Amino acid sequence: MAKELDIETVDLIIPDGCGIILGQSHFIKTVEDLYEIIITSNPKAEFGIAFSEASGPRLIRRDGTDQQLTDMAVKNLMAISAGHSFLIMLRNVFPISVLNQIKQCQEIVNIFAATSNPIKVLVARHKEQAAIIGVMDGFSPLGVETDENAKERMKFLRNIGYKK
């Protein structure tokens, strides 16, 4: 028998100059492990972490080095309200700088987004459960890169220190 399922979009609030990593995890120690990964990968990073428990007291666990970012991670994750999801809000570090280390964390199940773009999270809801089913990251393409666009891309990557 089919059950009623609602699908909605949740707009995440990302302060200017910040990036996010949104994912799925499966264990209460996620918050501490993510904190350790970020701080050891980039000690100058400012960040906030929120993790939604899916059982037991079903709390949003939180930690970070910046209270505003931690509060924003909690607020965004409450809007999503999906169990076993986590959100990291980052400042002074690009998500790509910690992404591989986060993917290697033993309890990480899935990464939905690592971005600084405007993002909408697609959430499926059924009674007391919710699931992230995907994200809309940024906007649709407007065309195909030209040779001049490629030169600009290469210059940008070198200007931010990502290429020699």
Protein backbone atom coordinates (compact mmCIF):
# COMPACT_ATOMS: atom_id res chain seq x y z
CA MET A 1 0.00 0.00 0.00
CA ALA A 2 1.40 3.41 -0.99
CA LYS A 3 2.13 5.87 1.79
CA GLU A 4 1.89 9.63 1.54
CA LEU A 5 5.28 11.23 0.90
CA ASP A 6 5.90 14.96 0.74
CA ILE A 7 8.86 16.45 -1.10
CA GLU A 8 10.00 19.97 -0.34
CA THR A 9 12.96 22.24 -0.92
CA VAL A 10 14.86 23.83 1.94
CA ASP A 11 16.96 26.92 1.16
CA LEU A 12 20.14 26.85 3.22
CA ILE A 13 21.36 30.14 4.64
CA ILE A 14 25.06 30.57 3.87
CA PRO A 15 26.70 33.78 5.13
CA ASP A 16 28.90 35.67 2.64
CA GLY A 17 32.42 34.28 2.54
CA CYS A 18 31.37 30.89 3.89
CA GLY A 19 31.14 27.40 2.44
CA ILE A 20 29.27 24.31 3.55
CA ILE A 21 29.58 20.56 3.50
CA LEU A 22 26.29 18.67 3.76
CA GLY A 23 26.30 14.94 4.27
CA GLN A 24 24.95 11.82 5.89
CA SER A 25 26.54 10.00 8.78
CA HIS A 26 25.45 7.25 11.12
CA PHE A 27 26.90 7.64 14.60
CA ILE A 28 26.83 10.01 17.58
CA LYS A 29 30.62 10.52 17.50
CA THR A 30 30.34 12.27 14.13
CA VAL A 31 30.49 15.76 15.66
CA GLU A 32 33.75 15.09 17.52
CA ASP A 33 35.35 13.29 14.58
CA LEU A 34 34.47 16.07 12.14
CA TYR A 35 35.76 18.70 14.57
CA GLU A 36 39.10 16.87 14.85
CA ILE A 37 39.37 16.40 11.09
CA ILE A 38 38.78 20.08 10.33
CA ILE A 39 40.98 21.50 13.10
CA THR A 40 43.92 19.21 12.28
CA SER A 41 43.56 19.81 8.52
CA ASN A 42 43.36 23.58 8.85
CA PRO A 43 43.98 25.00 12.36
CA LYS A 44 42.96 28.52 11.25
CA ALA A 45 39.57 27.42 9.98
CA GLU A 46 36.49 28.93 11.57
CA PHE A 47 33.59 26.49 11.51
CA GLY A 48 30.40 25.20 13.04
CA ILE A 49 29.10 21.63 12.89
CA ALA A 50 25.61 20.25 13.46
CA PHE A 51 24.57 16.56 13.36
CA SER A 52 21.01 15.19 13.62
CA GLU A 53 20.58 12.02 15.61
CA ALA A 54 18.09 9.55 14.15
CA SER A 55 17.31 7.58 17.30
CA GLY A 56 17.50 7.82 21.08
CA PRO A 57 16.94 11.41 22.24
CA ARG A 58 17.06 12.57 18.57
CA LEU A 59 18.98 15.74 19.32
CA ILE A 60 20.93 18.01 17.03
CA ARG A 61 24.49 17.68 18.32
CA ARG A 62 26.79 20.65 17.70
CA ASP A 63 30.33 21.95 18.04
CA GLY A 64 32.71 24.35 16.35
CA THR A 65 35.19 27.15 16.72
CA ASP A 66 32.75 29.94 15.85
CA GLN A 67 29.43 30.31 17.67
CA GLN A 68 27.71 32.16 14.80
CA LEU A 69 28.62 29.41 12.33
CA THR A 70 27.62 26.70 14.80
CA ASP A 71 24.24 28.39 15.38
CA MET A 72 23.76 28.74 11.60
CA ALA A 73 24.58 25.05 11.06
CA VAL A 74 22.01 24.11 13.72
CA LYS A 75 19.36 26.44 12.23
CA ASN A 76 19.89 25.05 8.70
CA LEU A 77 19.90 21.44 9.90
CA MET A 78 16.70 22.00 11.89
CA ALA A 79 15.06 23.23 8.67
CA ILE A 80 16.15 20.06 6.88
CA SER A 81 15.27 17.89 9.90
CA ALA A 82 16.57 14.61 8.43
CA GLY A 83 18.05 12.06 10.80
CA HIS A 84 21.73 11.15 10.49
CA SER A 85 22.50 14.26 8.45
CA PHE A 86 25.29 16.72 9.19
CA LEU A 87 26.15 20.23 8.11
CA ILE A 88 29.47 22.00 8.40
CA MET A 89 29.65 25.77 7.95
CA LEU A 90 33.18 26.94 7.06
CA ARG A 91 34.96 30.29 7.01
CA ASN A 92 38.63 30.92 6.02
CA VAL A 93 38.86 27.49 4.40
CA PHE A 94 37.44 26.14 1.16
CA PRO A 95 35.30 22.99 1.52
CA ILE A 96 37.66 21.19 -0.89
CA SER A 97 40.49 21.66 1.63
CA VAL A 98 38.87 19.27 4.12
CA LEU A 99 36.55 17.24 1.90
CA ASN A 100 38.75 14.19 1.31
CA GLN A 101 39.57 13.88 5.00
CA ILE A 102 35.86 14.06 5.81
CA LYS A 103 35.04 11.40 3.20
CA GLN A 104 37.60 9.12 4.88
CA CYS A 105 35.90 9.42 8.29
CA GLN A 106 34.60 5.93 9.08
CA GLU A 107 31.03 6.94 9.89
CA ILE A 108 30.47 9.18 6.85
CA VAL A 109 27.95 7.57 4.52
CA ASN A 110 27.42 10.20 1.83
CA ILE A 111 28.32 13.76 0.85
CA PHE A 112 25.51 15.69 -0.81
CA ALA A 113 27.27 19.02 -1.34
CA ALA A 114 30.48 20.93 -0.71
CA THR A 115 29.89 24.46 -1.93
CA SER A 116 29.71 28.18 -1.32
CA ASN A 117 26.87 28.60 -3.82
CA PRO A 118 23.23 29.19 -2.98
CA ILE A 119 21.81 25.74 -2.31
CA LYS A 120 18.40 24.12 -2.07
CA VAL A 121 18.11 20.76 -0.33
CA LEU A 122 15.45 18.36 -1.62
CA VAL A 123 13.87 16.68 1.38
CA ALA A 124 11.37 13.80 1.39
CA ARG A 125 9.10 13.69 4.46
CA HIS A 126 6.87 10.92 5.79
CA LYS A 127 5.35 11.21 9.26
CA GLU A 128 8.29 11.48 11.73
CA GLN A 129 10.97 10.76 9.14
CA ALA A 130 12.82 12.84 6.58
CA ALA A 131 15.56 12.15 4.07
CA ILE A 132 17.81 14.29 1.95
CA ILE A 133 17.26 13.09 -1.60
CA GLY A 134 19.46 15.59 -3.38
CA VAL A 135 20.59 19.19 -3.69
CA MET A 136 20.35 22.04 -6.14
CA ASP A 137 23.82 23.60 -6.03
CA GLY A 138 24.13 27.02 -7.63
CA PHE A 139 22.41 27.71 -10.92
CA SER A 140 22.01 26.13 -14.38
CA PRO A 141 24.75 26.73 -17.00
CA LEU A 142 24.36 29.65 -19.40
CA GLY A 143 26.70 28.37 -22.12
CA VAL A 144 29.92 26.53 -22.93
CA GLU A 145 33.38 27.70 -21.90
CA THR A 146 35.33 29.61 -24.56
CA ASP A 147 39.13 29.69 -24.89
CA GLU A 148 39.10 33.06 -23.11
CA ASN A 149 36.93 31.61 -20.29
CA ALA A 150 39.44 28.76 -19.91
CA LYS A 151 42.31 31.24 -19.57
CA GLU A 152 40.34 33.13 -16.91
CA ARG A 153 39.65 29.87 -15.04
CA MET A 154 43.33 28.94 -15.06
CA LYS A 155 44.33 32.44 -13.89
CA PHE A 156 41.77 32.33 -11.07
CA LEU A 157 43.06 28.95 -9.80
CA ARG A 158 46.60 30.30 -9.73
CA ASN A 159 45.52 33.53 -8.02
CA ILE A 160 43.95 31.61 -5.13
CA GLY A 161 46.98 29.32 -4.85
CA TYR A 162 45.37 26.09 -6.09
CA LYS A 163 47.69 25.75 -9.08
CA LYS A 164 51.37 26.54 -9.46
